[in-house]
């Protein structure tokens, strides 16, 4: 049982070494929190306001 903690620590560090996959966020959520505006500004396009 003594090796269990060492093994889990090793596995935890190996897991932290790999980069996390970006979470998929729906466009409606991005618009609501203002993230879509930032993405549009970075892309250089002007956001179209409909409504």
PDB file of N, CA and C in Angstrom:
ATOM      1  N   UNK A   1       0.816  -1.208   0.000  1.00  0.00           N
ATOM      2  CA  UNK A   1       0.000   0.000   0.000  1.00  0.00           C
ATOM      3  C   UNK A   1       0.854   1.265   0.000  1.00  0.00           C
ATOM      4  N   UNK A   2       2.126   1.113   0.326  1.00  0.00           N
ATOM      5  CA  UNK A   2       2.986   2.293   0.410  1.00  0.00           C
ATOM      6  C   UNK A   2       3.213   2.913  -0.974  1.00  0.00           C
ATOM      7  N   UNK A   3       3.192   2.084  -2.013  1.00  0.00           N
ATOM      8  CA  UNK A   3       3.466   2.617  -3.351  1.00  0.00           C
ATOM      9  C   UNK A   3       2.263   3.336  -3.955  1.00  0.00           C
ATOM     10  N   UNK A   4       1.114   3.184  -3.336  1.00  0.00           N
ATOM     11  CA  UNK A   4      -0.102   3.737  -3.934  1.00  0.00           C
ATOM     12  C   UNK A   4      -0.058   5.266  -4.030  1.00  0.00           C
ATOM     13  N   UNK A   5       0.341   5.940  -2.961  1.00  0.00           N
ATOM     14  CA  UNK A   5       0.384   7.395  -2.969  1.00  0.00           C
ATOM     15  C   UNK A   5       1.427   7.907  -3.955  1.00  0.00           C
ATOM     16  N   UNK A   6       2.574   7.230  -4.015  1.00  0.00           N
ATOM     17  CA  UNK A   6       3.621   7.651  -4.952  1.00  0.00           C
ATOM     18  C   UNK A   6       3.133   7.482  -6.384  1.00  0.00           C
ATOM     19  N   UNK A   7       2.454   6.374  -6.669  1.00  0.00           N
ATOM     20  CA  UNK A   7       1.955   6.129  -8.025  1.00  0.00           C
ATOM     21  C   UNK A   7       0.921   7.171  -8.410  1.00  0.00           C
ATOM     22  N   UNK A   8      -0.002   7.486  -7.484  1.00  0.00           N
ATOM     23  CA  UNK A   8      -1.025   8.465  -7.826  1.00  0.00           C
ATOM     24  C   UNK A   8      -0.412   9.847  -8.015  1.00  0.00           C
ATOM     25  N   UNK A   9       0.608  10.180  -7.253  1.00  0.00           N
ATOM     26  CA  UNK A   9       1.282  11.468  -7.426  1.00  0.00           C
ATOM     27  C   UNK A   9       1.964  11.518  -8.793  1.00  0.00           C
ATOM     28  N   UNK A  10       2.622  10.416  -9.165  1.00  0.00           N
ATOM     29  CA  UNK A  10       3.282  10.369 -10.467  1.00  0.00           C
ATOM     30  C   UNK A  10       2.257  10.530 -11.586  1.00  0.00           C
ATOM     31  N   UNK A  11       1.146   9.816 -11.501  1.00  0.00           N
ATOM     32  CA  UNK A  11       0.115   9.917 -12.520  1.00  0.00           C
ATOM     33  C   UNK A  11      -0.470  11.328 -12.569  1.00  0.00           C
ATOM     34  N   UNK A  12      -0.618  11.948 -11.410  1.00  0.00           N
ATOM     35  CA  UNK A  12      -1.182  13.289 -11.367  1.00  0.00           C
ATOM     36  C   UNK A  12      -0.253  14.271 -12.086  1.00  0.00           C
ATOM     37  N   UNK A  13       1.053  14.127 -11.881  1.00  0.00           N
ATOM     38  CA  UNK A  13       1.988  15.033 -12.534  1.00  0.00           C
ATOM     39  C   UNK A  13       2.049  14.785 -14.044  1.00  0.00           C
ATOM     40  N   UNK A  14       1.933  13.513 -14.437  1.00  0.00           N
ATOM     41  CA  UNK A  14       1.897  13.218 -15.871  1.00  0.00           C
ATOM     42  C   UNK A  14       0.650  13.824 -16.501  1.00  0.00           C
ATOM     43  N   UNK A  15      -0.468  13.801 -15.776  1.00  0.00           N
ATOM     44  CA  UNK A  15      -1.710  14.377 -16.292  1.00  0.00           C
ATOM     45  C   UNK A  15      -1.601  15.890 -16.393  1.00  0.00           C
ATOM     46  N   UNK A  16      -0.930  16.515 -15.417  1.00  0.00           N
ATOM     47  CA  UNK A  16      -0.777  17.964 -15.463  1.00  0.00           C
ATOM     48  C   UNK A  16       0.190  18.400 -16.554  1.00  0.00           C
ATOM     49  N   UNK A  17       1.082  17.527 -16.981  1.00  0.00           N
ATOM     50  CA  UNK A  17       2.051  17.877 -18.007  1.00  0.00           C
ATOM     51  C   UNK A  17       1.390  18.017 -19.375  1.00  0.00           C
ATOM     52  N   UNK A  18       0.273  17.347 -19.596  1.00  0.00           N
ATOM     53  CA  UNK A  18      -0.394  17.431 -20.893  1.00  0.00           C
ATOM     54  C   UNK A  18      -1.307  18.648 -20.905  1.00  0.00           C
ATOM     55  N   UNK A  19      -1.338  19.409 -21.993  1.00  0.00           N
ATOM     56  CA  UNK A  19      -2.198  20.593 -22.051  1.00  0.00           C
ATOM     57  C   UNK A  19      -3.665  20.199 -22.101  1.00  0.00           C
ATOM     58  N   UNK A  20      -4.511  21.023 -21.512  1.00  0.00           N
ATOM     59  CA  UNK A  20      -5.939  20.751 -21.489  1.00  0.00           C
ATOM     60  C   UNK A  20      -6.562  21.100 -22.827  1.00  0.00           C
ATOM     61  N   UNK A  21      -7.568  20.347 -23.212  1.00  0.00           N
ATOM     62  CA  UNK A  21      -8.301  20.619 -24.425  1.00  0.00           C
ATOM     63  C   UNK A  21      -9.249  21.798 -24.165  1.00  0.00           C
ATOM     64  N   UNK A  22      -9.323  22.724 -25.109  1.00  0.00           N
ATOM     65  CA  UNK A  22     -10.183  23.894 -24.940  1.00  0.00           C
ATOM     66  C   UNK A  22     -11.644  23.465 -24.912  1.00  0.00           C
ATOM     67  N   UNK A  23     -12.403  24.069 -23.997  1.00  0.00           N
ATOM     68  CA  UNK A  23     -13.817  23.731 -23.903  1.00  0.00           C
ATOM     69  C   UNK A  23     -14.586  24.388 -25.038  1.00  0.00           C
ATOM     70  N   UNK A  24     -15.572  23.668 -25.563  1.00  0.00           N
ATOM     71  CA  UNK A  24     -16.418  24.193 -26.630  1.00  0.00           C
ATOM     72  C   UNK A  24     -17.501  25.042 -26.000  1.00  0.00           C
ATOM     73  N   UNK A  25     -17.586  26.301 -26.427  1.00  0.00           N
ATOM     74  CA  UNK A  25     -18.601  27.213 -25.907  1.00  0.00           C
ATOM     75  C   UNK A  25     -19.516  27.595 -27.059  1.00  0.00           C
ATOM     76  N   UNK A  26     -20.822  27.486 -26.842  1.00  0.00           N
ATOM     77  CA  UNK A  26     -21.777  27.839 -27.876  1.00  0.00           C
ATOM     78  C   UNK A  26     -21.747  29.342 -28.129  1.00  0.00           C
ATOM     79  N   UNK A  27     -22.121  29.750 -29.333  1.00  0.00           N
ATOM     80  CA  UNK A  27     -22.074  31.155 -29.714  1.00  0.00           C
ATOM     81  C   UNK A  27     -22.969  32.007 -28.825  1.00  0.00           C
ATOM     82  N   UNK A  28     -24.134  31.498 -28.446  1.00  0.00           N
ATOM     83  CA  UNK A  28     -25.049  32.280 -27.606  1.00  0.00           C
ATOM     84  C   UNK A  28     -24.417  32.606 -26.254  1.00  0.00           C
ATOM     85  N   UNK A  29     -23.676  31.665 -25.699  1.00  0.00           N
ATOM     86  CA  UNK A  29     -23.007  31.900 -24.418  1.00  0.00           C
ATOM     87  C   UNK A  29     -21.880  32.910 -24.596  1.00  0.00           C
ATOM     88  N   UNK A  30     -21.147  32.803 -25.710  1.00  0.00           N
ATOM     89  CA  UNK A  30     -20.071  33.763 -25.971  1.00  0.00           C
ATOM     90  C   UNK A  30     -20.621  35.174 -26.125  1.00  0.00           C
ATOM     91  N   UNK A  31     -21.760  35.312 -26.802  1.00  0.00           N
ATOM     92  CA  UNK A  31     -22.371  36.637 -26.982  1.00  0.00           C
ATOM     93  C   UNK A  31     -22.828  37.184 -25.643  1.00  0.00           C
ATOM     94  N   UNK A  32     -23.410  36.332 -24.807  1.00  0.00           N
ATOM     95  CA  UNK A  32     -23.948  36.783 -23.531  1.00  0.00           C
ATOM     96  C   UNK A  32     -22.857  37.294 -22.599  1.00  0.00           C
ATOM     97  N   UNK A  33     -21.702  36.657 -22.594  1.00  0.00           N
ATOM     98  CA  UNK A  33     -20.646  37.082 -21.680  1.00  0.00           C
ATOM     99  C   UNK A  33     -19.677  38.056 -22.333  1.00  0.00           C
ATOM    100  N   UNK A  34     -19.909  38.434 -23.593  1.00  0.00           N
ATOM    101  CA  UNK A  34     -19.071  39.430 -24.251  1.00  0.00           C
ATOM    102  C   UNK A  34     -17.835  38.865 -24.919  1.00  0.00           C
ATOM    103  N   UNK A  35     -17.694  37.562 -24.930  1.00  0.00           N
ATOM    104  CA  UNK A  35     -16.509  36.956 -25.515  1.00  0.00           C
ATOM    105  C   UNK A  35     -16.536  37.012 -27.040  1.00  0.00           C
ATOM    106  N   UNK A  36     -17.714  36.935 -27.622  1.00  0.00           N
ATOM    107  CA  UNK A  36     -17.815  36.956 -29.081  1.00  0.00           C
ATOM    108  C   UNK A  36     -17.356  38.298 -29.639  1.00  0.00           C
ATOM    109  N   UNK A  37     -17.648  39.391 -28.943  1.00  0.00           N
ATOM    110  CA  UNK A  37     -17.186  40.705 -29.386  1.00  0.00           C
ATOM    111  C   UNK A  37     -15.663  40.746 -29.432  1.00  0.00           C
ATOM    112  N   UNK A  38     -15.021  40.170 -28.418  1.00  0.00           N
ATOM    113  CA  UNK A  38     -13.561  40.147 -28.381  1.00  0.00           C
ATOM    114  C   UNK A  38     -13.003  39.303 -29.526  1.00  0.00           C
ATOM    115  N   UNK A  39     -13.647  38.189 -29.822  1.00  0.00           N
ATOM    116  CA  UNK A  39     -13.201  37.331 -30.926  1.00  0.00           C
ATOM    117  C   UNK A  39     -13.351  38.061 -32.249  1.00  0.00           C
ATOM    118  N   UNK A  40     -14.460  38.789 -32.406  1.00  0.00           N
ATOM    119  CA  UNK A  40     -14.670  39.551 -33.635  1.00  0.00           C
ATOM    120  C   UNK A  40     -13.636  40.662 -33.774  1.00  0.00           C
ATOM    121  N   UNK A  41     -13.324  41.331 -32.664  1.00  0.00           N
ATOM    122  CA  UNK A  41     -12.314  42.395 -32.720  1.00  0.00           C
ATOM    123  C   UNK A  41     -10.952  41.825 -33.091  1.00  0.00           C
ATOM    124  N   UNK A  42     -10.618  40.675 -32.554  1.00  0.00           N
ATOM    125  CA  UNK A  42      -9.328  40.062 -32.850  1.00  0.00           C
ATOM    126  C   UNK A  42      -9.256  39.646 -34.317  1.00  0.00           C
ATOM    127  N   UNK A  43     -10.378  39.170 -34.861  1.00  0.00           N
ATOM    128  CA  UNK A  43     -10.409  38.738 -36.260  1.00  0.00           C
ATOM    129  C   UNK A  43     -10.412  39.929 -37.202  1.00  0.00           C
ATOM    130  N   UNK A  44     -10.754  41.111 -36.711  1.00  0.00           N
ATOM    131  CA  UNK A  44     -10.745  42.304 -37.552  1.00  0.00           C
ATOM    132  C   UNK A  44     -12.047  42.543 -38.276  1.00  0.00           C
ATOM    133  N   UNK A  45     -13.085  41.796 -37.917  1.00  0.00           N
ATOM    134  CA  UNK A  45     -14.383  41.999 -38.557  1.00  0.00           C
ATOM    135  C   UNK A  45     -15.261  42.830 -37.641  1.00  0.00           C
ATOM    136  N   UNK A  46     -16.190  43.557 -38.228  1.00  0.00           N
ATOM    137  CA  UNK A  46     -17.114  44.342 -37.414  1.00  0.00           C
ATOM    138  C   UNK A  46     -18.326  43.479 -37.120  1.00  0.00           C
ATOM    139  N   UNK A  47     -18.732  43.391 -35.861  1.00  0.00           N
ATOM    140  CA  UNK A  47     -19.906  42.575 -35.548  1.00  0.00           C
ATOM    141  C   UNK A  47     -21.169  43.223 -36.071  1.00  0.00           C
ATOM    142  N   UNK A  48     -22.033  42.411 -36.630  1.00  0.00           N
ATOM    143  CA  UNK A  48     -23.295  42.920 -37.174  1.00  0.00           C
ATOM    144  C   UNK A  48     -24.369  42.803 -36.106  1.00  0.00           C
ATOM    145  N   UNK A  49     -25.056  43.899 -35.868  1.00  0.00           N
ATOM    146  CA  UNK A  49     -26.124  43.894 -34.879  1.00  0.00           C
ATOM    147  C   UNK A  49     -27.449  43.701 -35.601  1.00  0.00           C
ATOM    148  N   UNK A  50     -28.131  42.617 -35.253  1.00  0.00           N
ATOM    149  CA  UNK A  50     -29.419  42.325 -35.851  1.00  0.00           C
ATOM    150  C   UNK A  50     -30.523  42.507 -34.826  1.00  0.00           C
ATOM    151  N   UNK A  51     -31.662  43.015 -35.282  1.00  0.00           N
ATOM    152  CA  UNK A  51     -32.747  43.100 -34.328  1.00  0.00           C
ATOM    153  C   UNK A  51     -33.617  44.278 -34.473  1.00  0.00           C
TER     154      UNK A  51
END
